[in-house]
N, C-alpha and C. Protein backbone atom coordinates (compact mmCIF):
# COMPACT_ATOMS: atom_id res chain seq x y z
N MET A 1 41.59 26.49 -6.52
CA MET A 1 42.45 25.48 -5.81
C MET A 1 41.48 24.50 -5.14
N GLU A 2 41.20 23.53 -4.99
CA GLU A 2 40.38 22.80 -4.26
C GLU A 2 40.95 22.66 -2.79
N GLU A 3 39.87 22.84 -1.58
CA GLU A 3 40.58 22.18 -0.51
C GLU A 3 40.06 21.22 -0.11
N SER A 4 40.51 20.06 0.47
CA SER A 4 39.54 19.60 0.78
C SER A 4 38.69 19.73 2.56
N ALA A 5 37.70 18.64 2.54
CA ALA A 5 37.16 18.77 3.79
C ALA A 5 37.89 18.80 5.14
N HIS A 6 39.22 18.63 5.32
CA HIS A 6 40.15 18.63 6.65
C HIS A 6 40.55 20.20 6.48
N THR A 7 40.54 21.04 5.46
CA THR A 7 41.31 22.14 5.32
C THR A 7 40.30 22.90 5.33
N GLN A 8 38.75 22.87 4.98
CA GLN A 8 37.68 24.15 4.90
C GLN A 8 37.69 24.67 6.47
N GLU A 9 37.16 25.62 6.42
CA GLU A 9 37.03 26.80 7.77
C GLU A 9 35.67 25.91 8.51
N VAL A 10 35.81 26.09 9.74
CA VAL A 10 34.92 25.61 10.69
C VAL A 10 33.50 26.49 10.25
N GLY A 11 32.59 26.09 10.42
CA GLY A 11 31.46 26.29 9.70
C GLY A 11 31.21 26.47 8.33
N THR A 12 31.71 25.81 7.22
CA THR A 12 31.39 25.65 6.01
C THR A 12 29.95 24.33 5.95
N ARG A 13 29.75 24.78 5.32
CA ARG A 13 28.18 24.18 5.38
C ARG A 13 28.57 23.44 3.49
N VAL A 14 27.90 22.04 3.43
CA VAL A 14 28.10 21.31 2.43
C VAL A 14 26.77 20.76 2.41
N ARG A 15 26.58 20.28 1.51
CA ARG A 15 25.40 19.26 1.21
C ARG A 15 25.74 18.17 0.84
N ALA A 16 25.13 16.76 1.71
CA ALA A 16 26.18 15.84 2.25
C ALA A 16 25.55 14.28 2.17
N PHE A 17 25.95 13.12 1.82
CA PHE A 17 25.11 12.12 2.05
C PHE A 17 26.43 10.83 2.11
N PHE A 18 26.12 9.85 2.94
CA PHE A 18 26.82 8.56 2.76
C PHE A 18 26.26 8.02 1.28
N GLY A 19 27.09 6.92 1.21
CA GLY A 19 26.93 5.98 -0.23
C GLY A 19 27.92 5.06 -0.40
N LEU A 20 27.30 4.17 -1.15
CA LEU A 20 28.46 2.84 -1.66
C LEU A 20 28.65 2.84 -2.91
N PRO A 21 29.91 3.34 -3.87
CA PRO A 21 30.32 3.41 -5.01
C PRO A 21 30.27 2.10 -5.69
N LEU A 22 30.09 2.08 -6.88
CA LEU A 22 30.10 1.11 -8.00
C LEU A 22 31.57 0.94 -8.89
N PRO A 23 32.07 -0.44 -8.72
CA PRO A 23 33.00 -0.55 -9.41
C PRO A 23 32.85 -0.29 -10.40
N ASP A 24 34.21 -0.21 -11.09
CA ASP A 24 33.75 0.32 -12.76
C ASP A 24 33.41 -0.48 -13.96
N ALA A 25 33.67 -1.70 -13.29
CA ALA A 25 32.70 -2.85 -14.21
C ALA A 25 30.94 -2.39 -14.40
N GLN A 26 30.37 -2.40 -13.25
CA GLN A 26 28.96 -2.64 -12.81
C GLN A 26 29.07 -0.88 -13.25
N ARG A 27 29.73 -0.25 -12.93
CA ARG A 27 29.24 1.40 -13.69
C ARG A 27 29.21 1.60 -15.25
N ALA A 28 30.09 0.66 -15.76
CA ALA A 28 30.24 0.85 -17.29
C ALA A 28 28.88 0.05 -17.90
N ALA A 29 28.55 -0.80 -17.42
CA ALA A 29 27.33 -1.80 -17.88
C ALA A 29 26.34 -1.36 -17.62
N LEU A 30 25.89 -0.24 -16.64
CA LEU A 30 24.84 0.26 -16.31
C LEU A 30 24.60 1.84 -17.39
N ALA A 31 26.05 2.52 -17.35
CA ALA A 31 25.90 3.59 -18.12
C ALA A 31 25.58 3.39 -19.45
N GLU A 32 25.76 1.95 -20.02
CA GLU A 32 25.15 1.65 -21.52
C GLU A 32 23.89 1.74 -21.55
N PHE A 33 23.18 1.14 -20.61
CA PHE A 33 22.00 0.92 -20.16
C PHE A 33 20.87 2.17 -20.01
N LEU A 34 21.56 3.18 -19.26
CA LEU A 34 21.20 3.93 -19.05
C LEU A 34 21.22 5.10 -20.48
N ASN A 35 21.81 4.85 -21.24
CA ASN A 35 21.94 5.96 -22.12
C ASN A 35 21.02 5.49 -23.48
N GLY A 36 20.63 4.19 -23.25
CA GLY A 36 19.67 3.79 -24.30
C GLY A 36 18.02 3.53 -23.71
N CYS A 37 17.92 3.91 -21.92
CA CYS A 37 16.93 4.43 -21.52
C CYS A 37 16.41 5.54 -21.91
N ALA A 38 17.40 6.64 -21.64
CA ALA A 38 17.17 7.93 -21.68
C ALA A 38 16.55 8.28 -23.52
N GLU A 39 17.03 7.66 -24.60
CA GLU A 39 16.12 8.06 -25.48
C GLU A 39 14.99 7.28 -25.72
N SER A 40 14.51 6.42 -24.56
CA SER A 40 13.46 5.48 -24.93
C SER A 40 12.22 5.94 -24.18
N ALA A 41 12.77 6.99 -22.97
CA ALA A 41 11.99 7.64 -22.19
C ALA A 41 12.49 9.18 -21.49
N PRO A 42 12.37 9.86 -22.34
CA PRO A 42 12.93 11.36 -22.04
C PRO A 42 12.03 12.06 -21.65
N GLY A 43 11.43 11.63 -20.37
CA GLY A 43 10.42 12.08 -19.76
C GLY A 43 11.12 12.32 -18.20
N PHE A 44 12.10 11.47 -18.44
CA PHE A 44 13.07 11.05 -17.19
C PHE A 44 14.29 12.04 -17.20
N ARG A 45 15.10 12.66 -16.35
CA ARG A 45 16.39 12.78 -15.97
C ARG A 45 17.22 11.34 -15.94
N TRP A 46 17.73 10.84 -16.32
CA TRP A 46 18.49 9.58 -16.00
C TRP A 46 19.80 10.08 -15.58
N THR A 47 20.36 9.01 -14.27
CA THR A 47 21.76 9.29 -13.55
C THR A 47 22.89 9.36 -14.46
N PRO A 48 23.56 9.92 -14.80
CA PRO A 48 25.12 9.90 -15.37
C PRO A 48 25.64 8.86 -14.69
N GLY A 49 26.64 8.32 -15.60
CA GLY A 49 27.49 6.79 -15.11
C GLY A 49 28.34 7.19 -13.86
N SER A 50 28.76 8.72 -14.16
CA SER A 50 29.71 8.98 -12.99
C SER A 50 29.10 9.39 -11.74
N ASN A 51 28.04 9.59 -11.78
CA ASN A 51 26.72 9.94 -10.17
C ASN A 51 26.74 8.22 -9.59
N LEU A 52 26.62 7.35 -10.30
CA LEU A 52 25.60 5.88 -9.85
C LEU A 52 26.44 5.71 -8.63
N HIS A 53 25.63 5.32 -7.53
CA HIS A 53 25.98 4.64 -6.20
C HIS A 53 24.57 4.49 -5.19
N LEU A 54 24.65 3.43 -4.61
CA LEU A 54 23.91 3.10 -3.34
C LEU A 54 23.56 4.19 -2.29
N THR A 55 22.57 4.92 -2.36
CA THR A 55 22.70 6.22 -1.04
C THR A 55 22.32 5.07 0.14
N ILE A 56 23.24 5.39 1.27
CA ILE A 56 22.75 4.71 2.39
C ILE A 56 22.06 5.72 3.26
N ARG A 57 22.43 7.22 3.19
CA ARG A 57 21.88 8.40 4.35
C ARG A 57 21.99 9.36 3.49
N PHE A 58 21.04 10.10 2.98
CA PHE A 58 20.90 11.49 2.64
C PHE A 58 20.77 12.16 3.80
N ILE A 59 22.22 13.25 4.14
CA ILE A 59 22.19 14.37 5.47
C ILE A 59 21.40 15.58 4.81
N GLY A 60 21.62 15.75 3.92
CA GLY A 60 21.34 17.50 3.30
C GLY A 60 22.66 18.57 3.62
N GLN A 61 22.07 19.86 4.00
CA GLN A 61 22.82 20.84 4.23
C GLN A 61 23.37 20.51 5.44
N ALA A 62 24.43 20.54 5.81
CA ALA A 62 25.33 20.60 7.02
C ALA A 62 26.69 21.05 7.44
N ASP A 63 27.19 21.56 8.70
CA ASP A 63 28.43 21.92 8.74
C ASP A 63 29.41 20.88 8.52
N VAL A 64 30.52 21.29 7.63
CA VAL A 64 31.31 20.15 7.40
C VAL A 64 32.25 19.43 8.74
N SER A 65 32.27 20.11 9.40
CA SER A 65 32.34 19.42 10.66
C SER A 65 31.67 18.75 11.33
N VAL A 66 30.53 18.46 11.45
CA VAL A 66 29.20 17.88 12.14
C VAL A 66 29.35 16.64 11.27
N VAL A 67 29.50 16.53 9.84
CA VAL A 67 29.34 15.44 9.22
C VAL A 67 30.84 14.53 8.86
N GLU A 68 31.76 15.44 9.23
CA GLU A 68 33.25 14.80 9.60
C GLU A 68 32.96 14.21 10.45
N GLY A 69 32.42 14.65 11.78
CA GLY A 69 32.29 13.84 13.20
C GLY A 69 31.61 12.61 12.74
N ILE A 70 30.46 12.68 12.45
CA ILE A 70 29.74 11.23 11.96
C ILE A 70 30.57 10.09 11.42
N ALA A 71 31.49 10.75 10.22
CA ALA A 71 32.75 10.10 9.79
C ALA A 71 33.53 9.39 10.66
N ASP A 72 34.22 10.16 11.65
CA ASP A 72 35.26 9.56 12.41
C ASP A 72 34.75 8.69 13.40
N ARG A 73 33.17 8.79 13.34
CA ARG A 73 32.80 7.72 14.58
C ARG A 73 32.38 6.39 13.79
N LEU A 74 32.21 6.61 12.81
CA LEU A 74 31.70 5.38 11.89
C LEU A 74 32.92 4.66 11.60
N SER A 75 34.29 5.56 11.28
CA SER A 75 35.63 4.79 10.95
C SER A 75 35.84 4.24 12.29
N VAL A 76 35.65 4.05 13.26
CA VAL A 76 36.02 3.58 14.51
C VAL A 76 35.13 2.32 15.12
N ALA A 77 33.95 2.13 14.28
CA ALA A 77 32.90 0.99 14.33
C ALA A 77 33.23 0.04 13.83
N SER A 78 34.08 -0.55 13.11
CA SER A 78 34.33 -1.96 12.81
C SER A 78 33.11 -2.10 12.11
N LEU A 79 32.47 -1.27 10.76
CA LEU A 79 32.00 -2.08 10.06
C LEU A 79 32.10 -3.37 8.94
N PRO A 80 31.50 -4.08 8.91
CA PRO A 80 31.92 -5.50 8.02
C PRO A 80 31.73 -4.97 6.55
N ALA A 81 32.50 -5.17 6.30
CA ALA A 81 32.48 -5.34 4.51
C ALA A 81 31.12 -6.70 4.08
N PHE A 82 30.54 -6.74 2.64
CA PHE A 82 29.57 -7.65 2.41
C PHE A 82 29.84 -7.76 0.83
N ASP A 83 29.17 -8.52 0.27
CA ASP A 83 28.86 -8.57 -1.02
C ASP A 83 27.37 -8.43 -1.57
N VAL A 84 27.60 -7.53 -2.56
CA VAL A 84 25.91 -6.90 -3.29
C VAL A 84 25.82 -7.57 -4.54
N GLU A 85 25.10 -8.06 -5.07
CA GLU A 85 24.54 -7.51 -6.58
C GLU A 85 23.41 -7.10 -6.83
N LEU A 86 23.25 -6.48 -8.07
CA LEU A 86 22.20 -5.76 -9.11
C LEU A 86 21.03 -6.51 -9.24
N GLY A 87 19.69 -6.07 -8.89
CA GLY A 87 18.54 -6.78 -9.33
C GLY A 87 18.04 -6.20 -10.40
N GLU A 88 16.72 -6.49 -9.99
CA GLU A 88 15.56 -5.86 -11.08
C GLU A 88 15.04 -4.40 -10.92
N LEU A 89 14.43 -3.99 -11.62
CA LEU A 89 14.02 -2.54 -12.02
C LEU A 89 12.90 -2.56 -10.96
N GLY A 90 12.46 -1.24 -10.44
CA GLY A 90 11.65 -0.99 -9.18
C GLY A 90 10.73 0.69 -9.83
N THR A 91 10.06 0.70 -9.24
CA THR A 91 9.53 2.78 -9.48
C THR A 91 9.22 2.96 -7.82
N PHE A 92 9.14 4.24 -7.73
CA PHE A 92 8.11 4.55 -6.71
C PHE A 92 7.48 5.56 -7.53
N LYS A 93 6.04 5.62 -7.35
CA LYS A 93 5.13 6.00 -7.62
C LYS A 93 3.96 7.15 -6.99
N ARG A 94 3.92 7.88 -7.69
CA ARG A 94 2.33 8.75 -7.26
C ARG A 94 1.42 8.43 -7.94
N GLY A 95 0.55 7.84 -7.57
CA GLY A 95 -0.67 7.04 -8.33
C GLY A 95 -0.18 6.11 -9.42
N ARG A 96 -0.22 6.39 -10.62
CA ARG A 96 -0.22 5.73 -11.76
C ARG A 96 1.00 6.21 -12.22
N LEU A 97 1.65 7.62 -11.83
CA LEU A 97 2.95 7.99 -12.72
C LEU A 97 3.91 7.51 -11.74
N VAL A 98 5.12 7.57 -12.40
CA VAL A 98 6.34 7.18 -11.83
C VAL A 98 7.02 8.25 -11.30
N ARG A 99 8.05 8.49 -10.34
CA ARG A 99 8.44 9.71 -9.64
C ARG A 99 10.31 8.99 -9.89
N VAL A 100 10.23 7.93 -9.89
CA VAL A 100 11.91 7.19 -9.58
C VAL A 100 11.88 6.05 -10.21
N VAL A 101 12.79 5.60 -11.19
CA VAL A 101 12.96 4.52 -11.43
C VAL A 101 14.38 3.99 -11.08
N TRP A 102 14.11 2.94 -10.12
CA TRP A 102 15.50 2.31 -9.43
C TRP A 102 15.82 0.65 -10.01
N GLN A 103 17.37 0.52 -9.23
CA GLN A 103 17.44 -1.19 -9.73
C GLN A 103 17.57 -1.45 -7.95
N GLY A 104 16.93 -2.83 -7.81
CA GLY A 104 17.29 -3.22 -6.72
C GLY A 104 18.58 -3.93 -6.35
N LEU A 105 18.27 -4.86 -5.30
CA LEU A 105 19.70 -5.68 -5.28
C LEU A 105 19.08 -7.17 -4.85
N ALA A 106 19.69 -8.23 -5.71
CA ALA A 106 19.45 -9.63 -5.79
C ALA A 106 20.34 -10.09 -4.75
N LEU A 107 21.47 -9.44 -4.23
CA LEU A 107 22.22 -9.99 -3.16
C LEU A 107 22.78 -8.81 -2.44
N GLY A 108 22.57 -8.91 -0.79
CA GLY A 108 22.86 -7.89 -0.19
C GLY A 108 22.15 -6.70 0.25
N SER A 109 20.98 -6.69 0.30
CA SER A 109 19.84 -5.97 0.76
C SER A 109 20.02 -6.08 2.19
N GLN A 110 20.12 -6.93 2.69
CA GLN A 110 20.19 -6.69 4.42
C GLN A 110 21.57 -6.45 4.97
N ALA A 111 22.80 -6.80 4.16
CA ALA A 111 23.89 -5.91 4.91
C ALA A 111 23.34 -4.42 4.61
N VAL A 112 23.24 -4.38 3.45
CA VAL A 112 22.91 -2.72 3.12
C VAL A 112 22.23 -1.71 4.07
N THR A 113 21.05 -2.58 4.35
CA THR A 113 20.08 -1.99 5.47
C THR A 113 20.85 -2.17 6.79
N ALA A 114 21.59 -2.61 7.32
CA ALA A 114 22.28 -2.85 8.68
C ALA A 114 23.13 -1.59 8.79
N LEU A 115 23.74 -1.41 7.54
CA LEU A 115 24.65 -0.44 7.36
C LEU A 115 24.38 0.89 7.64
N ALA A 116 22.87 0.95 6.77
CA ALA A 116 21.97 2.07 7.01
C ALA A 116 21.84 2.44 8.35
N ARG A 117 21.31 1.69 9.09
CA ARG A 117 20.94 1.86 10.37
C ARG A 117 21.85 2.06 11.30
N GLN A 118 23.06 1.80 11.11
CA GLN A 118 24.44 2.47 11.56
C GLN A 118 24.62 3.71 11.56
N VAL A 119 24.56 4.01 10.02
CA VAL A 119 25.01 5.45 9.66
C VAL A 119 23.56 6.42 10.41
N ASP A 120 22.11 5.73 10.16
CA ASP A 120 21.37 6.34 10.54
C ASP A 120 21.51 7.01 12.48
N VAL A 121 21.92 5.70 13.12
CA VAL A 121 22.39 6.02 14.80
C VAL A 121 23.27 7.27 14.46
N GLU A 122 24.16 7.21 13.75
CA GLU A 122 24.93 8.47 14.17
C GLU A 122 24.98 9.47 13.75
N CYS A 123 23.75 9.66 12.62
CA CYS A 123 23.37 11.27 12.16
C CYS A 123 22.18 11.49 13.26
N ALA A 124 21.39 10.57 13.81
CA ALA A 124 20.72 10.96 14.84
C ALA A 124 21.62 11.40 16.07
N ALA A 125 22.66 10.72 16.45
CA ALA A 125 23.51 11.25 17.47
C ALA A 125 23.70 12.69 17.28
N ALA A 126 24.45 13.05 15.92
CA ALA A 126 24.49 14.19 15.70
C ALA A 126 23.75 15.49 15.54
N GLY A 127 22.10 14.77 15.79
CA GLY A 127 21.36 15.92 15.77
C GLY A 127 20.18 15.80 14.47
N PHE A 128 20.61 14.91 13.78
CA PHE A 128 19.72 14.61 12.69
C PHE A 128 18.85 14.06 12.86
N ALA A 129 16.99 14.78 12.33
CA ALA A 129 15.98 13.36 12.72
C ALA A 129 16.61 12.16 11.96
N THR A 130 16.10 11.26 12.39
CA THR A 130 16.14 9.76 11.75
C THR A 130 15.32 9.56 11.03
N GLU A 131 15.38 8.43 10.04
CA GLU A 131 14.57 8.42 8.82
C GLU A 131 13.32 8.13 9.07
N LYS A 132 12.09 8.38 8.77
CA LYS A 132 10.71 8.08 8.91
C LYS A 132 10.19 6.81 8.08
N ARG A 133 10.92 6.72 6.80
CA ARG A 133 10.52 5.95 5.67
C ARG A 133 11.48 4.48 6.39
N PRO A 134 11.02 3.15 5.69
CA PRO A 134 11.64 2.04 5.80
C PRO A 134 12.54 2.36 5.00
N PHE A 135 13.95 2.06 5.33
CA PHE A 135 15.30 2.09 4.15
C PHE A 135 15.16 0.85 2.92
N GLN A 136 15.09 1.17 2.20
CA GLN A 136 15.02 0.11 0.93
C GLN A 136 16.01 0.50 -0.15
N ALA A 137 17.18 -0.52 -0.10
CA ALA A 137 18.35 -0.51 -0.61
C ALA A 137 17.90 -0.83 -2.41
N HIS A 138 18.41 0.63 -3.19
CA HIS A 138 18.25 0.37 -4.38
C HIS A 138 18.99 1.52 -4.99
N LEU A 139 19.40 1.46 -6.10
CA LEU A 139 20.38 2.30 -6.91
C LEU A 139 19.40 3.13 -7.53
N THR A 140 19.31 4.85 -7.51
CA THR A 140 18.47 5.42 -8.55
C THR A 140 18.77 5.51 -9.75
N LEU A 141 18.30 5.33 -10.86
CA LEU A 141 18.46 5.21 -12.13
C LEU A 141 17.90 6.63 -13.05
N ALA A 142 16.83 6.82 -12.48
CA ALA A 142 15.99 8.07 -13.09
C ALA A 142 15.07 8.72 -12.31
N ARG A 143 14.99 10.31 -12.23
CA ARG A 143 13.83 10.91 -11.72
C ARG A 143 12.80 11.41 -12.67
N SER A 144 11.52 11.56 -12.77
CA SER A 144 10.78 12.03 -13.64
C SER A 144 10.98 13.43 -14.01
N ARG A 145 10.89 14.29 -14.77
CA ARG A 145 11.23 15.74 -15.23
C ARG A 145 9.91 16.57 -14.39
N ALA A 146 9.18 15.75 -14.26
CA ALA A 146 7.83 16.56 -13.93
C ALA A 146 7.71 16.00 -12.56
N ARG A 147 7.17 17.06 -11.62
CA ARG A 147 7.15 17.05 -10.17
C ARG A 147 6.16 15.99 -9.88
N GLU A 148 5.06 15.45 -10.78
CA GLU A 148 3.82 15.04 -10.38
C GLU A 148 4.23 13.16 -10.82
N GLY A 149 5.41 13.56 -11.56
CA GLY A 149 6.02 11.89 -12.38
C GLY A 149 5.21 11.95 -13.71
N ALA A 150 5.65 10.68 -14.32
CA ALA A 150 5.32 10.55 -15.37
C ALA A 150 5.05 8.96 -16.13
N PRO A 151 4.38 8.97 -17.17
CA PRO A 151 4.34 7.40 -17.42
C PRO A 151 5.42 6.92 -17.95
N LEU A 152 6.22 5.70 -17.60
CA LEU A 152 6.86 5.11 -18.19
C LEU A 152 6.98 3.76 -19.18
N PRO A 153 7.41 4.40 -20.17
CA PRO A 153 7.25 3.16 -21.29
C PRO A 153 8.08 1.91 -20.71
N MET A 154 7.81 0.71 -21.56
CA MET A 154 8.54 -0.46 -21.34
C MET A 154 9.86 -0.28 -21.26
N LEU A 155 10.76 -0.67 -20.57
CA LEU A 155 12.20 -0.53 -20.66
C LEU A 155 12.81 -2.08 -20.84
N PRO A 156 13.87 -2.20 -21.10
CA PRO A 156 14.43 -3.77 -21.12
C PRO A 156 15.13 -3.90 -19.99
N ARG A 157 15.41 -5.11 -20.14
CA ARG A 157 15.83 -5.78 -18.41
C ARG A 157 17.14 -4.83 -18.06
N PRO A 158 17.56 -4.29 -16.35
CA PRO A 158 18.76 -4.10 -16.78
C PRO A 158 19.95 -4.70 -16.81
N PRO A 159 21.01 -4.64 -16.51
CA PRO A 159 22.41 -5.53 -16.82
C PRO A 159 22.67 -6.04 -15.29
N ARG A 160 22.91 -7.06 -15.18
CA ARG A 160 23.69 -7.74 -14.20
C ARG A 160 24.76 -8.28 -14.52
N PRO A 161 25.48 -7.20 -14.09
CA PRO A 161 27.17 -7.35 -14.34
C PRO A 161 27.66 -8.37 -13.12
N GLY A 162 26.97 -9.17 -12.41
CA GLY A 162 27.82 -9.45 -11.58
C GLY A 162 28.01 -9.23 -10.22
N PRO A 163 28.24 -9.97 -9.00
CA PRO A 163 28.50 -9.28 -7.56
C PRO A 163 29.72 -8.61 -7.31
N TRP A 164 29.99 -7.84 -6.40
CA TRP A 164 31.07 -6.98 -6.26
C TRP A 164 31.24 -7.04 -4.13
N ARG A 165 32.27 -7.01 -3.75
CA ARG A 165 32.74 -6.78 -2.70
C ARG A 165 32.56 -5.14 -2.05
N VAL A 166 31.62 -4.85 -1.52
CA VAL A 166 31.53 -3.66 -0.71
C VAL A 166 32.27 -3.35 0.32
N ASP A 167 33.73 -2.48 0.25
CA ASP A 167 34.72 -2.79 1.32
C ASP A 167 34.82 -0.79 1.18
N GLU A 168 33.94 -0.19 1.02
CA GLU A 168 34.26 1.16 1.47
C GLU A 168 32.54 1.72 1.58
N LEU A 169 32.38 2.84 2.26
CA LEU A 169 31.49 3.75 2.80
C LEU A 169 31.93 4.97 2.22
N VAL A 170 31.66 5.80 1.53
CA VAL A 170 31.74 7.29 1.31
C VAL A 170 30.82 8.25 1.70
N LEU A 171 31.51 9.32 2.03
CA LEU A 171 31.24 10.56 2.42
C LEU A 171 30.98 11.55 1.42
N TYR A 172 29.79 11.93 0.82
CA TYR A 172 29.95 12.37 -0.37
C TYR A 172 29.73 14.06 -0.03
N GLN A 173 30.12 15.04 -1.30
CA GLN A 173 29.43 16.18 -0.92
C GLN A 173 28.64 16.67 -2.38
N SER A 174 27.41 16.80 -2.59
CA SER A 174 26.61 17.19 -3.57
C SER A 174 26.94 18.55 -3.98
N ARG A 175 27.09 19.00 -5.17
CA ARG A 175 27.41 20.20 -5.71
C ARG A 175 26.25 20.58 -6.72
N LEU A 176 25.36 21.31 -6.48
CA LEU A 176 24.19 21.09 -7.64
C LEU A 176 24.71 22.35 -8.45
N GLY A 177 24.38 22.05 -9.91
CA GLY A 177 24.80 22.96 -11.07
C GLY A 177 23.80 22.95 -12.13
N ARG A 178 23.95 23.86 -13.08
CA ARG A 178 22.77 23.94 -14.26
C ARG A 178 23.05 22.52 -14.81
N ALA A 179 24.10 21.83 -14.83
CA ALA A 179 24.02 20.66 -15.36
C ALA A 179 24.00 19.63 -14.64
N GLY A 180 23.63 19.54 -13.54
CA GLY A 180 23.37 18.66 -12.57
C GLY A 180 24.16 18.62 -11.94
N ALA A 181 23.75 17.77 -10.57
CA ALA A 181 24.22 17.29 -9.54
C ALA A 181 26.28 16.59 -9.56
N VAL A 182 26.99 17.27 -8.90
CA VAL A 182 28.35 16.62 -9.04
C VAL A 182 28.19 16.20 -7.75
N TYR A 183 28.91 14.68 -7.28
CA TYR A 183 29.24 14.25 -6.34
C TYR A 183 30.64 13.81 -6.09
N GLU A 184 31.05 14.28 -4.82
CA GLU A 184 33.14 14.66 -4.99
C GLU A 184 33.11 13.83 -3.35
N PRO A 185 34.05 12.96 -3.23
CA PRO A 185 33.97 12.15 -2.08
C PRO A 185 34.75 13.13 -0.96
N LEU A 186 34.39 13.35 0.14
CA LEU A 186 34.59 14.12 1.46
C LEU A 186 35.82 13.08 2.25
N ARG A 187 35.31 11.92 2.38
CA ARG A 187 35.74 11.11 2.97
C ARG A 187 35.56 9.32 2.50
N VAL A 188 36.36 8.44 2.59
CA VAL A 188 36.00 7.06 2.30
C VAL A 188 36.64 6.40 3.53
N LEU A 189 35.70 5.59 4.03
CA LEU A 189 35.75 4.91 5.18
C LEU A 189 35.84 3.49 4.94
N LYS A 190 36.66 2.30 5.34
CA LYS A 190 37.04 1.13 5.03
C LYS A 190 36.09 0.53 5.56
N LEU A 191 35.51 -0.66 5.03
CA LEU A 191 34.60 -1.64 6.12
C LEU A 191 35.76 -2.84 5.62
N GLU A 192 35.39 -3.82 7.25
CA GLU A 192 36.55 -4.76 7.10
C GLU A 192 35.69 -6.15 6.75
């Protein structure tokens, strides 16, 4: 029987992050696109449709009570809802080799960045180091199977299934397994 985060023992550690879920229409359009990309670029692990999200802040291993405390403080912060829309593809590289394929935002990147700053402040208040790299709003689509990266063939233009209203911030638990990571919501915070 699975337990919710609220009933887990004190001291239980989880691998956690905050993220923004995708609506079903956007998720379905991207899942179809990613299936096609997996065939043309097998040197990359393509994100399963069920795992698609915009990462706001990766925390890593932490006591569930600590991440719940961060979520509690964010839940009373009156965080605003906003609109986003997916944009063009981008990559993070090491030299000429691609390590990560991502899709940026055509709309809403400033609002996502502002939310990420607020989450980072609460994470810092809980004792986590602040993010050193500047935040870049993106949806991770694939990671190179090789640590140093891989050449990326030309990909088709990504789908642009239209804008949506972001009205939830989710605290996820990431469970690593042989088949890859599985993301489970621990808390859903409403944005106003």
